[in-house]
């Protein structure tokens, strides 16, 4: 008889603890904040920045600063290496800009010929 009563008390304890966990889970769900319709997040600010006129100049300055910083890092404080690396990068950028410009001019002329 004692084993049955122990079993019953243990099962009763399990039931009460499981009901407590269920109620705490449901109450934690109700405590979670629902997203508000009027709230503004980081993504909204990012999209506004990307669409602004300041995006291109700021990103250009950051990229140039990153390239010069990496050049300093690779040259290890040897100014001859730094200016050599920077000169090669500038030549590559100039050649790429000329190629892109020529391709753009060619596309513009072909569009005018079709019209």
Protein backbone atom coordinates (compact mmCIF):
# COMPACT_ATOMS: atom_id res chain seq x y z
CA UNK A 1 0.00 0.00 0.00
CA UNK A 2 2.76 2.38 0.78
CA UNK A 3 4.24 1.97 -2.68
CA UNK A 4 0.95 2.90 -4.27
CA UNK A 5 0.60 5.98 -2.18
CA UNK A 6 4.15 6.98 -3.01
CA UNK A 7 3.48 6.43 -6.68
CA UNK A 8 0.33 8.49 -6.48
CA UNK A 9 2.08 11.35 -4.75
CA UNK A 10 4.90 11.30 -7.25
CA UNK A 11 2.49 11.32 -10.18
CA UNK A 12 0.49 14.07 -8.52
CA UNK A 13 3.70 16.09 -8.12
CA UNK A 14 4.54 15.55 -11.79
CA UNK A 15 1.09 16.70 -12.83
CA UNK A 16 1.26 19.81 -10.73
CA UNK A 17 4.76 20.67 -11.94
CA UNK A 18 3.79 20.13 -15.57
CA UNK A 19 0.75 22.33 -15.14
CA UNK A 20 2.98 24.98 -13.59
CA UNK A 21 5.39 24.82 -16.52
CA UNK A 22 2.50 25.10 -18.95
CA UNK A 23 1.12 28.11 -17.18
CA UNK A 24 4.55 29.76 -17.01
CA UNK A 25 5.08 29.10 -20.72
CA UNK A 26 1.73 30.62 -21.59
CA UNK A 27 2.40 33.62 -19.36
CA UNK A 28 5.83 34.16 -20.95
CA UNK A 29 4.17 34.14 -24.34
CA UNK A 30 1.75 36.78 -23.22
CA UNK A 31 4.62 38.87 -21.83
CA UNK A 32 6.43 39.04 -25.17
CA UNK A 33 6.07 42.40 -26.82
CA UNK A 34 4.19 42.46 -30.06
CA UNK A 35 5.96 44.42 -32.80
CA UNK A 36 4.56 47.90 -32.95
CA UNK A 37 3.51 49.29 -36.28
CA UNK A 38 5.01 52.72 -35.63
CA UNK A 39 8.45 51.54 -34.48
CA UNK A 40 11.54 52.32 -36.56
CA UNK A 41 14.42 49.86 -36.72
CA UNK A 42 17.99 49.81 -37.99
CA UNK A 43 16.90 48.57 -41.41
CA UNK A 44 14.70 51.61 -41.89
CA UNK A 45 17.59 53.94 -41.12
CA UNK A 46 19.86 51.95 -43.45
CA UNK A 47 17.40 52.22 -46.34
CA UNK A 48 17.00 55.96 -45.76
CA UNK A 49 20.80 56.35 -45.79
CA UNK A 50 21.21 54.31 -48.98
CA UNK A 51 18.59 56.44 -50.75
CA UNK A 52 20.11 59.73 -49.60
CA UNK A 53 22.51 61.91 -51.58
CA UNK A 54 25.21 61.47 -48.93
CA UNK A 55 25.53 57.70 -49.50
CA UNK A 56 27.90 57.77 -52.49
CA UNK A 57 30.40 60.34 -51.11
CA UNK A 58 30.53 58.73 -47.67
CA UNK A 59 31.01 55.22 -49.06
CA UNK A 60 33.66 56.54 -51.49
CA UNK A 61 35.61 58.16 -48.65
CA UNK A 62 35.36 54.99 -46.54
CA UNK A 63 36.57 52.77 -49.39
CA UNK A 64 39.50 55.08 -50.18
CA UNK A 65 40.42 55.15 -46.49
CA UNK A 66 40.24 51.36 -46.32
CA UNK A 67 42.49 50.97 -49.38
CA UNK A 68 45.08 53.42 -48.05
CA UNK A 69 44.97 51.73 -44.63
CA UNK A 70 45.56 48.32 -46.20
CA UNK A 71 48.42 49.79 -48.23
CA UNK A 72 50.05 51.03 -45.02
CA UNK A 73 49.56 47.60 -43.50
CA UNK A 74 51.08 45.75 -46.45
CA UNK A 75 54.00 48.16 -46.83
CA UNK A 76 55.01 47.77 -43.16
CA UNK A 77 56.12 51.44 -42.83
CA UNK A 78 58.31 51.31 -45.94
CA UNK A 79 57.26 54.40 -47.90
CA UNK A 80 58.78 53.16 -51.17
CA UNK A 81 56.60 50.04 -50.99
CA UNK A 82 53.57 52.10 -49.98
CA UNK A 83 53.78 54.48 -52.92
CA UNK A 84 54.57 51.62 -55.32
CA UNK A 85 51.48 49.69 -54.19
CA UNK A 86 49.34 52.84 -54.26
CA UNK A 87 50.62 53.75 -57.75
CA UNK A 88 49.80 50.29 -59.10
CA UNK A 89 46.31 50.49 -57.59
CA UNK A 90 45.75 53.93 -59.12
CA UNK A 91 46.87 52.68 -62.54
CA UNK A 92 44.53 49.70 -62.30
CA UNK A 93 41.66 52.00 -61.27
CA UNK A 94 42.42 54.37 -64.17
CA UNK A 95 42.46 51.53 -66.72
CA UNK A 96 39.18 50.13 -65.35
CA UNK A 97 37.56 53.59 -65.45
CA UNK A 98 38.66 54.08 -69.09
CA UNK A 99 37.28 50.66 -70.09
CA UNK A 100 33.94 51.30 -68.34
CA UNK A 101 33.70 54.73 -69.98
CA UNK A 102 34.38 53.30 -73.44
CA UNK A 103 31.82 50.55 -72.92
CA UNK A 104 29.26 53.16 -71.81
CA UNK A 105 29.96 55.34 -74.84
CA UNK A 106 29.61 52.31 -77.13
CA UNK A 107 26.25 51.37 -75.60
CA UNK A 108 25.03 54.95 -75.88
CA UNK A 109 25.95 55.10 -79.59
CA UNK A 110 24.33 51.74 -80.35
CA UNK A 111 21.10 52.90 -78.65
CA UNK A 112 21.11 56.06 -80.77
CA UNK A 113 21.65 54.05 -83.98
CA UNK A 114 18.62 51.86 -83.19
CA UNK A 115 16.32 54.83 -82.60
